Each structure stands twice: as structure tokens, then as C-alpha cells.
Amino acid sequence: CSWNACTFCSFYRDMPFRWKTTDELRAHVAALRAYFGDSIGLRRGLFLGDANALCLAPVHLLPLLEILAEEFPGSPTVSFVDAWSGQRRSAAEWRACARLGLERVYVGLETGDPDLLAWLRKPGTPDDAVALVAALHETDVAVGVIVLLGAGGERFSEAHARNTAATLTRMKLGPRDLL
């Protein structure tokens, strides 16, 4: 994870954030094809991972998406981005990603309560997440919004529920979106 400081997650604590070069991705795809053989065609889509892969600058991200589009034409791609770095991407950049097969972006809202976000040491604000979802919808990319049920325990429960519901309402989620 590019942030790797949230209090609720320890998945990546021992792994520095890095991305594959185009040569590494091509080798990875070749290894997948060798492992799965013809059954790789049964896959319904692609996941560009790990955590926060879409935070990459376009100079790094677009060539990776181009490889996936070449290697798996017509296969939709999904990935994660945090609201803080995702909202900094322009609409033109999101459109370029969509043209290369990006179909859905999972956004780690976690909570709509700014105080709980700060307590979780999660970057960004609920407003950042709302702006990101609006930008993605503008470019016809669906979203999957992630909320941490029970985050903050009883101390934050009322504000977490109330502010998360309000934030989700402001996102204007549609039939292609997931929660």
C-alpha cells in the first residue's frame, strides 16, 4: 500500500510499496498463461492489485493498463484507490483508464465520519471520496465503496453510522455500483 499507516490494516506493513515495470507485468502475464493454460479464458475480469494500485502516476499506470488491454482484450479491469490520491486524478486521466478497460474502482471510504477517519489514520476526507465517486461516474467507471462496519467501536458508533449514511447518499450510487 502506498499509504500503509492506517490503524486497522497490517496487510502490507512488511512490504514496501512498488509497482511492476512493463517488462515485469509482461513476464507475470506469461507466467499466468503458462500456469492456467486455456482455462485463463474462463476468467471474467482482471484485478490490478495490490492495495491502492490506481494511485500510480499516469506515466506508470497507463502502460500497465495498455498491456492488460492487449493481453486480455475485452476483459474488464478493477482495482483499488484511496479517496485521497484518487481525487487528485483528472477526469481526462480517468477517461484514459476507462478506455483501457478500467470498469470499476474500489474506494476505501471506511467511514463518513471525519473524526473516525483521523482516528484510523486514514488519509483524505469524506468529501474527497464523494468528489472521487462523482469524477468516476462522470467517466462511466463504476465504484465499489468499502465501509468498515463497527470501526471505532461504541465510541464512534453513532457518528460513524450517521455520517457514513450521509456520505453514501451524497455519492449518488447507481445500479452498477457496489457497497
N, C-alpha and C. Protein backbone atom coordinates (compact mmCIF):
# COMPACT_ATOMS: atom_id res chain seq x y z
N CYS A 1 0.84 -1.18 0.00
CA CYS A 1 0.00 0.00 0.00
C CYS A 1 0.89 1.25 0.00
N SER A 2 0.50 2.24 -0.75
CA SER A 2 1.30 3.47 -0.82
C SER A 2 1.21 4.29 0.46
N TRP A 3 0.16 4.13 1.23
CA TRP A 3 -0.01 4.86 2.49
C TRP A 3 0.54 4.04 3.66
N ASN A 4 0.00 2.85 3.83
CA ASN A 4 0.50 1.85 4.77
C ASN A 4 0.60 2.34 6.21
N ALA A 5 -0.35 3.17 6.64
CA ALA A 5 -0.30 3.68 8.01
C ALA A 5 -1.64 3.61 8.72
N CYS A 6 -2.67 3.08 8.08
CA CYS A 6 -3.98 3.00 8.72
C CYS A 6 -3.92 2.04 9.91
N THR A 7 -4.60 2.42 10.97
CA THR A 7 -4.53 1.62 12.20
C THR A 7 -5.23 0.27 12.07
N PHE A 8 -6.16 0.14 11.13
CA PHE A 8 -6.95 -1.09 11.02
C PHE A 8 -6.33 -2.13 10.09
N CYS A 9 -5.23 -1.83 9.44
CA CYS A 9 -4.69 -2.72 8.43
C CYS A 9 -3.21 -2.98 8.67
N SER A 10 -2.84 -4.25 8.64
CA SER A 10 -1.43 -4.60 8.75
C SER A 10 -0.98 -5.49 7.59
N PHE A 11 -1.81 -5.57 6.55
CA PHE A 11 -1.51 -6.45 5.42
C PHE A 11 -0.14 -6.18 4.79
N TYR A 12 0.26 -4.93 4.71
CA TYR A 12 1.44 -4.55 3.92
C TYR A 12 2.57 -3.97 4.77
N ARG A 13 2.50 -4.12 6.06
CA ARG A 13 3.48 -3.50 6.95
C ARG A 13 4.92 -3.88 6.61
N ASP A 14 5.13 -5.11 6.19
CA ASP A 14 6.49 -5.57 5.92
C ASP A 14 6.86 -5.52 4.44
N MET A 15 6.03 -4.86 3.63
CA MET A 15 6.28 -4.80 2.20
C MET A 15 6.32 -3.35 1.74
N PRO A 16 7.43 -2.90 1.23
CA PRO A 16 7.47 -1.54 0.69
C PRO A 16 6.63 -1.46 -0.59
N PHE A 17 6.00 -0.32 -0.78
CA PHE A 17 5.16 -0.12 -1.97
C PHE A 17 6.04 -0.03 -3.21
N ARG A 18 5.65 -0.75 -4.23
CA ARG A 18 6.32 -0.67 -5.54
C ARG A 18 5.33 -1.12 -6.60
N TRP A 19 5.64 -0.84 -7.84
CA TRP A 19 4.80 -1.29 -8.93
C TRP A 19 5.65 -2.08 -9.90
N LYS A 20 5.00 -2.91 -10.68
CA LYS A 20 5.70 -3.70 -11.69
C LYS A 20 6.07 -2.81 -12.87
N THR A 21 7.22 -3.05 -13.43
CA THR A 21 7.57 -2.39 -14.68
C THR A 21 6.78 -3.08 -15.79
N THR A 22 6.78 -2.51 -16.96
CA THR A 22 6.06 -3.15 -18.07
C THR A 22 6.65 -4.52 -18.37
N ASP A 23 7.97 -4.66 -18.29
CA ASP A 23 8.59 -5.97 -18.53
C ASP A 23 8.18 -6.98 -17.46
N GLU A 24 8.11 -6.54 -16.19
CA GLU A 24 7.68 -7.43 -15.11
C GLU A 24 6.22 -7.86 -15.28
N LEU A 25 5.37 -6.93 -15.72
CA LEU A 25 3.97 -7.29 -15.93
C LEU A 25 3.83 -8.27 -17.09
N ARG A 26 4.56 -8.04 -18.16
CA ARG A 26 4.50 -8.98 -19.30
C ARG A 26 4.97 -10.38 -18.85
N ALA A 27 6.02 -10.44 -18.05
CA ALA A 27 6.50 -11.73 -17.54
C ALA A 27 5.47 -12.37 -16.62
N HIS A 28 4.80 -11.56 -15.82
CA HIS A 28 3.75 -12.05 -14.91
C HIS A 28 2.58 -12.63 -15.72
N VAL A 29 2.17 -11.92 -16.75
CA VAL A 29 1.08 -12.41 -17.61
C VAL A 29 1.49 -13.72 -18.28
N ALA A 30 2.73 -13.80 -18.75
CA ALA A 30 3.20 -15.05 -19.38
C ALA A 30 3.19 -16.20 -18.37
N ALA A 31 3.59 -15.92 -17.14
CA ALA A 31 3.57 -16.96 -16.10
C ALA A 31 2.14 -17.39 -15.79
N LEU A 32 1.22 -16.45 -15.76
CA LEU A 32 -0.19 -16.79 -15.54
C LEU A 32 -0.73 -17.66 -16.66
N ARG A 33 -0.40 -17.29 -17.90
CA ARG A 33 -0.86 -18.08 -19.05
C ARG A 33 -0.27 -19.50 -19.00
N ALA A 34 0.99 -19.61 -18.60
CA ALA A 34 1.62 -20.93 -18.50
C ALA A 34 0.96 -21.76 -17.40
N TYR A 35 0.63 -21.13 -16.30
CA TYR A 35 0.04 -21.84 -15.17
C TYR A 35 -1.40 -22.26 -15.46
N PHE A 36 -2.21 -21.35 -15.97
CA PHE A 36 -3.63 -21.62 -16.19
C PHE A 36 -3.93 -22.27 -17.54
N GLY A 37 -3.04 -22.11 -18.51
CA GLY A 37 -3.30 -22.65 -19.83
C GLY A 37 -4.56 -22.03 -20.43
N ASP A 38 -5.30 -22.83 -21.18
CA ASP A 38 -6.50 -22.33 -21.85
C ASP A 38 -7.58 -21.88 -20.87
N SER A 39 -7.54 -22.40 -19.65
CA SER A 39 -8.59 -22.04 -18.69
C SER A 39 -8.51 -20.58 -18.26
N ILE A 40 -7.43 -19.89 -18.61
CA ILE A 40 -7.35 -18.47 -18.26
C ILE A 40 -8.48 -17.70 -18.96
N GLY A 41 -8.95 -18.22 -20.08
CA GLY A 41 -10.05 -17.59 -20.80
C GLY A 41 -11.38 -17.66 -20.06
N LEU A 42 -11.46 -18.46 -19.02
CA LEU A 42 -12.69 -18.56 -18.24
C LEU A 42 -12.84 -17.41 -17.24
N ARG A 43 -11.77 -16.67 -17.02
CA ARG A 43 -11.81 -15.54 -16.10
C ARG A 43 -12.74 -14.47 -16.66
N ARG A 44 -13.50 -13.84 -15.79
CA ARG A 44 -14.46 -12.82 -16.23
C ARG A 44 -13.89 -11.41 -16.14
N GLY A 45 -12.70 -11.26 -15.59
CA GLY A 45 -12.13 -9.94 -15.47
C GLY A 45 -10.75 -9.99 -14.85
N LEU A 46 -10.18 -8.82 -14.68
CA LEU A 46 -8.83 -8.69 -14.16
C LEU A 46 -8.84 -7.79 -12.92
N PHE A 47 -7.96 -8.12 -11.98
CA PHE A 47 -7.79 -7.27 -10.82
C PHE A 47 -6.36 -6.76 -10.83
N LEU A 48 -6.21 -5.45 -10.88
CA LEU A 48 -4.89 -4.83 -10.82
C LEU A 48 -4.62 -4.52 -9.35
N GLY A 49 -3.73 -5.28 -8.75
CA GLY A 49 -3.50 -5.16 -7.31
C GLY A 49 -2.05 -4.87 -7.03
N ASP A 50 -1.80 -4.67 -5.86
CA ASP A 50 -2.42 -4.82 -4.58
C ASP A 50 -3.17 -3.55 -4.19
N ALA A 51 -3.05 -3.22 -2.92
CA ALA A 51 -3.77 -2.06 -2.39
C ALA A 51 -3.30 -0.78 -3.05
N ASN A 52 -4.27 0.02 -3.45
CA ASN A 52 -4.03 1.37 -3.95
C ASN A 52 -3.23 1.43 -5.25
N ALA A 53 -3.37 0.42 -6.10
CA ALA A 53 -2.62 0.39 -7.35
C ALA A 53 -2.92 1.58 -8.24
N LEU A 54 -4.14 2.11 -8.17
CA LEU A 54 -4.51 3.21 -9.05
C LEU A 54 -3.97 4.56 -8.59
N CYS A 55 -3.17 4.58 -7.53
CA CYS A 55 -2.54 5.83 -7.11
C CYS A 55 -1.36 6.19 -8.00
N LEU A 56 -0.93 5.24 -8.82
CA LEU A 56 0.25 5.49 -9.67
C LEU A 56 0.01 6.66 -10.61
N ALA A 57 1.07 7.39 -10.86
CA ALA A 57 1.00 8.48 -11.84
C ALA A 57 0.68 7.88 -13.21
N PRO A 58 -0.01 8.63 -14.06
CA PRO A 58 -0.38 8.11 -15.38
C PRO A 58 0.81 7.56 -16.18
N VAL A 59 1.98 8.15 -16.02
CA VAL A 59 3.16 7.68 -16.75
C VAL A 59 3.49 6.23 -16.40
N HIS A 60 3.14 5.79 -15.21
CA HIS A 60 3.36 4.41 -14.78
C HIS A 60 2.12 3.54 -14.97
N LEU A 61 0.95 4.11 -14.69
CA LEU A 61 -0.29 3.33 -14.71
C LEU A 61 -0.77 3.00 -16.11
N LEU A 62 -0.81 3.97 -17.00
CA LEU A 62 -1.38 3.74 -18.33
C LEU A 62 -0.65 2.65 -19.13
N PRO A 63 0.67 2.58 -19.10
CA PRO A 63 1.33 1.48 -19.82
C PRO A 63 0.95 0.10 -19.27
N LEU A 64 0.71 0.01 -17.96
CA LEU A 64 0.29 -1.27 -17.37
C LEU A 64 -1.11 -1.64 -17.85
N LEU A 65 -2.01 -0.66 -17.86
CA LEU A 65 -3.36 -0.91 -18.35
C LEU A 65 -3.36 -1.25 -19.84
N GLU A 66 -2.44 -0.63 -20.59
CA GLU A 66 -2.33 -0.95 -22.03
C GLU A 66 -1.94 -2.41 -22.23
N ILE A 67 -1.02 -2.90 -21.42
CA ILE A 67 -0.61 -4.30 -21.52
C ILE A 67 -1.79 -5.22 -21.23
N LEU A 68 -2.53 -4.91 -20.17
CA LEU A 68 -3.69 -5.75 -19.83
C LEU A 68 -4.72 -5.73 -20.96
N ALA A 69 -4.94 -4.56 -21.56
CA ALA A 69 -5.90 -4.45 -22.67
C ALA A 69 -5.44 -5.25 -23.89
N GLU A 70 -4.14 -5.26 -24.14
CA GLU A 70 -3.58 -6.03 -25.26
C GLU A 70 -3.67 -7.53 -25.00
N GLU A 71 -3.29 -7.92 -23.80
CA GLU A 71 -3.21 -9.34 -23.46
C GLU A 71 -4.57 -9.98 -23.22
N PHE A 72 -5.52 -9.19 -22.73
CA PHE A 72 -6.85 -9.70 -22.39
C PHE A 72 -7.92 -8.78 -22.98
N PRO A 73 -8.00 -8.70 -24.30
CA PRO A 73 -8.95 -7.76 -24.91
C PRO A 73 -10.38 -8.04 -24.46
N GLY A 74 -11.07 -6.96 -24.12
CA GLY A 74 -12.46 -7.07 -23.71
C GLY A 74 -12.67 -7.47 -22.26
N SER A 75 -11.60 -7.79 -21.54
CA SER A 75 -11.74 -8.16 -20.13
C SER A 75 -11.76 -6.91 -19.26
N PRO A 76 -12.79 -6.75 -18.45
CA PRO A 76 -12.85 -5.57 -17.58
C PRO A 76 -11.79 -5.66 -16.48
N THR A 77 -11.26 -4.50 -16.12
CA THR A 77 -10.27 -4.41 -15.07
C THR A 77 -10.86 -3.66 -13.89
N VAL A 78 -10.57 -4.14 -12.68
CA VAL A 78 -10.97 -3.46 -11.45
C VAL A 78 -9.73 -3.30 -10.59
N SER A 79 -9.78 -2.31 -9.68
CA SER A 79 -8.66 -2.10 -8.78
C SER A 79 -9.09 -1.19 -7.64
N PHE A 80 -8.18 -0.95 -6.70
CA PHE A 80 -8.42 -0.10 -5.54
C PHE A 80 -7.72 1.25 -5.69
N VAL A 81 -8.30 2.25 -5.04
CA VAL A 81 -7.61 3.53 -4.84
C VAL A 81 -8.19 4.17 -3.58
N ASP A 82 -7.33 4.86 -2.84
CA ASP A 82 -7.87 5.59 -1.70
C ASP A 82 -8.41 6.93 -2.20
N ALA A 83 -9.35 7.48 -1.44
CA ALA A 83 -10.02 8.70 -1.87
C ALA A 83 -9.05 9.88 -1.96
N TRP A 84 -8.05 9.87 -1.11
CA TRP A 84 -7.10 10.98 -1.06
C TRP A 84 -6.30 11.10 -2.35
N SER A 85 -5.72 9.99 -2.82
CA SER A 85 -4.93 10.07 -4.05
C SER A 85 -5.82 9.99 -5.28
N GLY A 86 -6.95 9.29 -5.19
CA GLY A 86 -7.83 9.15 -6.34
C GLY A 86 -8.46 10.44 -6.78
N GLN A 87 -8.80 11.30 -5.84
CA GLN A 87 -9.45 12.55 -6.21
C GLN A 87 -8.50 13.54 -6.87
N ARG A 88 -7.21 13.25 -6.83
CA ARG A 88 -6.22 14.13 -7.48
C ARG A 88 -6.07 13.83 -8.96
N ARG A 89 -6.65 12.74 -9.43
CA ARG A 89 -6.57 12.38 -10.84
C ARG A 89 -7.61 13.18 -11.62
N SER A 90 -7.23 13.67 -12.78
CA SER A 90 -8.15 14.46 -13.59
C SER A 90 -9.17 13.56 -14.29
N ALA A 91 -10.26 14.16 -14.74
CA ALA A 91 -11.27 13.41 -15.48
C ALA A 91 -10.67 12.81 -16.75
N ALA A 92 -9.79 13.54 -17.40
CA ALA A 92 -9.14 13.02 -18.62
C ALA A 92 -8.31 11.78 -18.30
N GLU A 93 -7.64 11.77 -17.16
CA GLU A 93 -6.84 10.60 -16.77
C GLU A 93 -7.74 9.41 -16.49
N TRP A 94 -8.88 9.64 -15.78
CA TRP A 94 -9.81 8.54 -15.53
C TRP A 94 -10.41 8.03 -16.85
N ARG A 95 -10.69 8.93 -17.79
CA ARG A 95 -11.22 8.50 -19.10
C ARG A 95 -10.21 7.63 -19.84
N ALA A 96 -8.94 7.99 -19.76
CA ALA A 96 -7.89 7.19 -20.40
C ALA A 96 -7.85 5.80 -19.79
N CYS A 97 -8.00 5.71 -18.48
CA CYS A 97 -8.04 4.40 -17.81
C CYS A 97 -9.26 3.60 -18.26
N ALA A 98 -10.39 4.27 -18.36
CA ALA A 98 -11.63 3.59 -18.78
C ALA A 98 -11.51 3.07 -20.21
N ARG A 99 -10.90 3.85 -21.09
CA ARG A 99 -10.71 3.40 -22.48
C ARG A 99 -9.85 2.14 -22.54
N LEU A 100 -9.00 1.96 -21.54
CA LEU A 100 -8.12 0.78 -21.49
C LEU A 100 -8.73 -0.36 -20.68
N GLY A 101 -10.01 -0.26 -20.36
CA GLY A 101 -10.71 -1.37 -19.75
C GLY A 101 -11.03 -1.24 -18.27
N LEU A 102 -10.63 -0.13 -17.63
CA LEU A 102 -10.97 0.03 -16.22
C LEU A 102 -12.48 0.16 -16.09
N GLU A 103 -13.09 -0.78 -15.40
CA GLU A 103 -14.55 -0.82 -15.31
C GLU A 103 -15.06 -0.41 -13.93
N ARG A 104 -14.31 -0.75 -12.89
CA ARG A 104 -14.76 -0.43 -11.54
C ARG A 104 -13.54 -0.10 -10.68
N VAL A 105 -13.75 0.89 -9.80
CA VAL A 105 -12.73 1.29 -8.84
C VAL A 105 -13.30 1.09 -7.44
N TYR A 106 -12.58 0.34 -6.63
CA TYR A 106 -12.96 0.16 -5.23
C TYR A 106 -12.33 1.29 -4.42
N VAL A 107 -13.18 2.01 -3.71
CA VAL A 107 -12.76 3.18 -2.94
C VAL A 107 -12.90 2.86 -1.46
N GLY A 108 -11.81 2.99 -0.74
CA GLY A 108 -11.83 2.74 0.70
C GLY A 108 -12.32 3.95 1.46
N LEU A 109 -13.64 4.15 1.48
CA LEU A 109 -14.21 5.23 2.29
C LEU A 109 -13.96 4.94 3.77
N GLU A 110 -14.21 3.72 4.18
CA GLU A 110 -14.11 3.22 5.55
C GLU A 110 -15.20 3.82 6.46
N THR A 111 -15.32 5.15 6.46
CA THR A 111 -16.34 5.84 7.26
C THR A 111 -16.59 7.22 6.67
N GLY A 112 -17.77 7.72 6.91
CA GLY A 112 -18.09 9.09 6.52
C GLY A 112 -17.85 10.08 7.64
N ASP A 113 -17.32 9.61 8.76
CA ASP A 113 -17.08 10.46 9.91
C ASP A 113 -15.62 10.94 9.91
N PRO A 114 -15.39 12.24 9.73
CA PRO A 114 -14.01 12.74 9.67
C PRO A 114 -13.19 12.46 10.94
N ASP A 115 -13.84 12.50 12.10
CA ASP A 115 -13.11 12.24 13.34
C ASP A 115 -12.65 10.78 13.40
N LEU A 116 -13.50 9.87 12.96
CA LEU A 116 -13.12 8.46 12.93
C LEU A 116 -12.03 8.21 11.89
N LEU A 117 -12.13 8.87 10.73
CA LEU A 117 -11.06 8.74 9.73
C LEU A 117 -9.72 9.14 10.32
N ALA A 118 -9.70 10.25 11.04
CA ALA A 118 -8.45 10.71 11.66
C ALA A 118 -7.97 9.69 12.69
N TRP A 119 -8.88 9.15 13.47
CA TRP A 119 -8.52 8.16 14.49
C TRP A 119 -7.95 6.90 13.84
N LEU A 120 -8.49 6.55 12.65
CA LEU A 120 -8.00 5.39 11.90
C LEU A 120 -6.69 5.69 11.15
N ARG A 121 -6.29 6.95 11.16
CA ARG A 121 -5.11 7.43 10.41
C ARG A 121 -5.25 7.15 8.93
N LYS A 122 -6.45 7.35 8.43
CA LYS A 122 -6.75 7.17 7.01
C LYS A 122 -6.63 8.53 6.33
N PRO A 123 -5.89 8.62 5.23
CA PRO A 123 -5.75 9.92 4.57
C PRO A 123 -7.04 10.34 3.88
N GLY A 124 -7.21 11.63 3.71
CA GLY A 124 -8.35 12.14 2.98
C GLY A 124 -9.55 12.40 3.87
N THR A 125 -10.61 12.82 3.21
CA THR A 125 -11.84 13.18 3.91
C THR A 125 -13.02 12.52 3.21
N PRO A 126 -14.18 12.51 3.87
CA PRO A 126 -15.37 12.04 3.18
C PRO A 126 -15.66 12.86 1.91
N ASP A 127 -15.40 14.16 1.97
CA ASP A 127 -15.61 14.99 0.78
C ASP A 127 -14.71 14.54 -0.38
N ASP A 128 -13.48 14.13 -0.08
CA ASP A 128 -12.59 13.60 -1.12
C ASP A 128 -13.22 12.38 -1.78
N ALA A 129 -13.80 11.50 -0.97
CA ALA A 129 -14.43 10.29 -1.51
C ALA A 129 -15.63 10.63 -2.37
N VAL A 130 -16.44 11.58 -1.93
CA VAL A 130 -17.61 11.99 -2.72
C VAL A 130 -17.15 12.57 -4.06
N ALA A 131 -16.12 13.41 -4.03
CA ALA A 131 -15.61 14.01 -5.27
C ALA A 131 -15.04 12.94 -6.20
N LEU A 132 -14.34 11.96 -5.64
CA LEU A 132 -13.78 10.88 -6.45
C LEU A 132 -14.89 10.08 -7.11
N VAL A 133 -15.90 9.71 -6.36
CA VAL A 133 -17.01 8.93 -6.93
C VAL A 133 -17.70 9.73 -8.04
N ALA A 134 -17.89 11.02 -7.83
CA ALA A 134 -18.51 11.86 -8.87
C ALA A 134 -17.64 11.88 -10.13
N ALA A 135 -16.33 12.00 -9.97
CA ALA A 135 -15.43 12.02 -11.13
C ALA A 135 -15.46 10.68 -11.86
N LEU A 136 -15.49 9.59 -11.12
CA LEU A 136 -15.55 8.27 -11.74
C LEU A 136 -16.87 8.08 -12.48
N HIS A 137 -17.97 8.49 -11.87
CA HIS A 137 -19.26 8.39 -12.53
C HIS A 137 -19.29 9.23 -13.81
N GLU A 138 -18.65 10.38 -13.77
CA GLU A 138 -18.58 11.26 -14.95
C GLU A 138 -17.88 10.56 -16.12
N THR A 139 -16.96 9.67 -15.81
CA THR A 139 -16.21 8.96 -16.86
C THR A 139 -16.74 7.56 -17.09
N ASP A 140 -17.91 7.26 -16.54
CA ASP A 140 -18.61 5.99 -16.72
C ASP A 140 -17.87 4.80 -16.12
N VAL A 141 -17.12 5.05 -15.06
CA VAL A 141 -16.46 3.98 -14.30
C VAL A 141 -17.30 3.74 -13.06
N ALA A 142 -17.68 2.49 -12.82
CA ALA A 142 -18.45 2.14 -11.63
C ALA A 142 -17.55 2.14 -10.41
N VAL A 143 -18.17 2.19 -9.24
CA VAL A 143 -17.40 2.17 -8.00
C VAL A 143 -17.87 1.04 -7.10
N GLY A 144 -16.98 0.65 -6.23
CA GLY A 144 -17.30 -0.23 -5.12
C GLY A 144 -16.81 0.50 -3.88
N VAL A 145 -17.73 0.90 -3.04
CA VAL A 145 -17.37 1.68 -1.85
C VAL A 145 -17.22 0.73 -0.67
N ILE A 146 -16.11 0.85 0.02
CA ILE A 146 -15.81 -0.02 1.16
C ILE A 146 -16.03 0.76 2.45
N VAL A 147 -16.87 0.19 3.32
CA VAL A 147 -17.16 0.78 4.63
C VAL A 147 -16.78 -0.25 5.69
N LEU A 148 -16.11 0.19 6.72
CA LEU A 148 -15.73 -0.68 7.83
C LEU A 148 -16.83 -0.66 8.88
N LEU A 149 -17.66 -1.68 8.88
CA LEU A 149 -18.72 -1.76 9.87
C LEU A 149 -18.12 -1.96 11.25
N GLY A 150 -18.58 -1.19 12.20
CA GLY A 150 -18.10 -1.32 13.58
C GLY A 150 -16.79 -0.61 13.86
N ALA A 151 -16.24 0.07 12.87
CA ALA A 151 -14.97 0.77 13.09
C ALA A 151 -15.13 1.80 14.21
N GLY A 152 -14.16 1.83 15.09
CA GLY A 152 -14.18 2.79 16.18
C GLY A 152 -15.01 2.36 17.38
N GLY A 153 -15.69 1.21 17.27
CA GLY A 153 -16.46 0.68 18.39
C GLY A 153 -17.55 1.61 18.85
N GLU A 154 -17.96 1.44 20.09
CA GLU A 154 -19.05 2.23 20.66
C GLU A 154 -18.73 3.72 20.69
N ARG A 155 -17.48 4.04 20.89
CA ARG A 155 -17.07 5.45 20.97
C ARG A 155 -17.51 6.24 19.74
N PHE A 156 -17.40 5.63 18.55
CA PHE A 156 -17.70 6.33 17.31
C PHE A 156 -18.99 5.85 16.64
N SER A 157 -19.69 4.90 17.24
CA SER A 157 -20.77 4.20 16.52
C SER A 157 -21.84 5.14 15.98
N GLU A 158 -22.34 6.05 16.78
CA GLU A 158 -23.43 6.92 16.32
C GLU A 158 -22.97 7.83 15.18
N ALA A 159 -21.84 8.50 15.37
CA ALA A 159 -21.33 9.40 14.33
C ALA A 159 -20.92 8.63 13.08
N HIS A 160 -20.34 7.45 13.27
CA HIS A 160 -19.93 6.60 12.13
C HIS A 160 -21.16 6.25 11.29
N ALA A 161 -22.22 5.77 11.91
CA ALA A 161 -23.42 5.37 11.17
C ALA A 161 -24.08 6.58 10.50
N ARG A 162 -24.28 7.65 11.24
CA ARG A 162 -24.96 8.84 10.71
C ARG A 162 -24.17 9.47 9.57
N ASN A 163 -22.87 9.70 9.78
CA ASN A 163 -22.07 10.39 8.77
C ASN A 163 -21.77 9.51 7.56
N THR A 164 -21.65 8.20 7.78
CA THR A 164 -21.43 7.30 6.65
C THR A 164 -22.68 7.25 5.77
N ALA A 165 -23.85 7.16 6.38
CA ALA A 165 -25.09 7.16 5.61
C ALA A 165 -25.22 8.46 4.80
N ALA A 166 -24.89 9.58 5.41
CA ALA A 166 -24.98 10.87 4.72
C ALA A 166 -23.98 10.93 3.56
N THR A 167 -22.78 10.43 3.79
CA THR A 167 -21.76 10.44 2.73
C THR A 167 -22.17 9.54 1.58
N LEU A 168 -22.66 8.35 1.88
CA LEU A 168 -23.11 7.44 0.83
C LEU A 168 -24.26 8.05 0.02
N THR A 169 -25.16 8.73 0.68
CA THR A 169 -26.26 9.39 -0.01
C THR A 169 -25.72 10.45 -0.97
N ARG A 170 -24.73 11.21 -0.54
CA ARG A 170 -24.13 12.25 -1.40
C ARG A 170 -23.41 11.64 -2.60
N MET A 171 -22.99 10.39 -2.51
CA MET A 171 -22.29 9.73 -3.61
C MET A 171 -23.21 9.38 -4.78
N LYS A 172 -24.50 9.33 -4.55
CA LYS A 172 -25.47 9.01 -5.61
C LYS A 172 -25.09 7.72 -6.33
N LEU A 173 -24.92 6.67 -5.55
CA LEU A 173 -24.55 5.38 -6.12
C LEU A 173 -25.67 4.88 -7.04
N GLY A 174 -25.26 4.19 -8.09
CA GLY A 174 -26.22 3.70 -9.08
C GLY A 174 -26.22 2.19 -9.16
N PRO A 175 -26.96 1.65 -10.12
CA PRO A 175 -27.14 0.19 -10.21
C PRO A 175 -25.85 -0.59 -10.54
N ARG A 176 -24.85 0.05 -11.10
CA ARG A 176 -23.59 -0.64 -11.41
C ARG A 176 -22.61 -0.59 -10.24
N ASP A 177 -22.92 0.22 -9.24
CA ASP A 177 -22.02 0.41 -8.10
C ASP A 177 -22.28 -0.65 -7.03
N LEU A 178 -21.26 -0.87 -6.21
CA LEU A 178 -21.33 -1.84 -5.12
C LEU A 178 -21.02 -1.15 -3.80
N LEU A 179 -21.57 -1.70 -2.74
CA LEU A 179 -21.27 -1.19 -1.41
C LEU A 179 -20.86 -2.37 -0.56
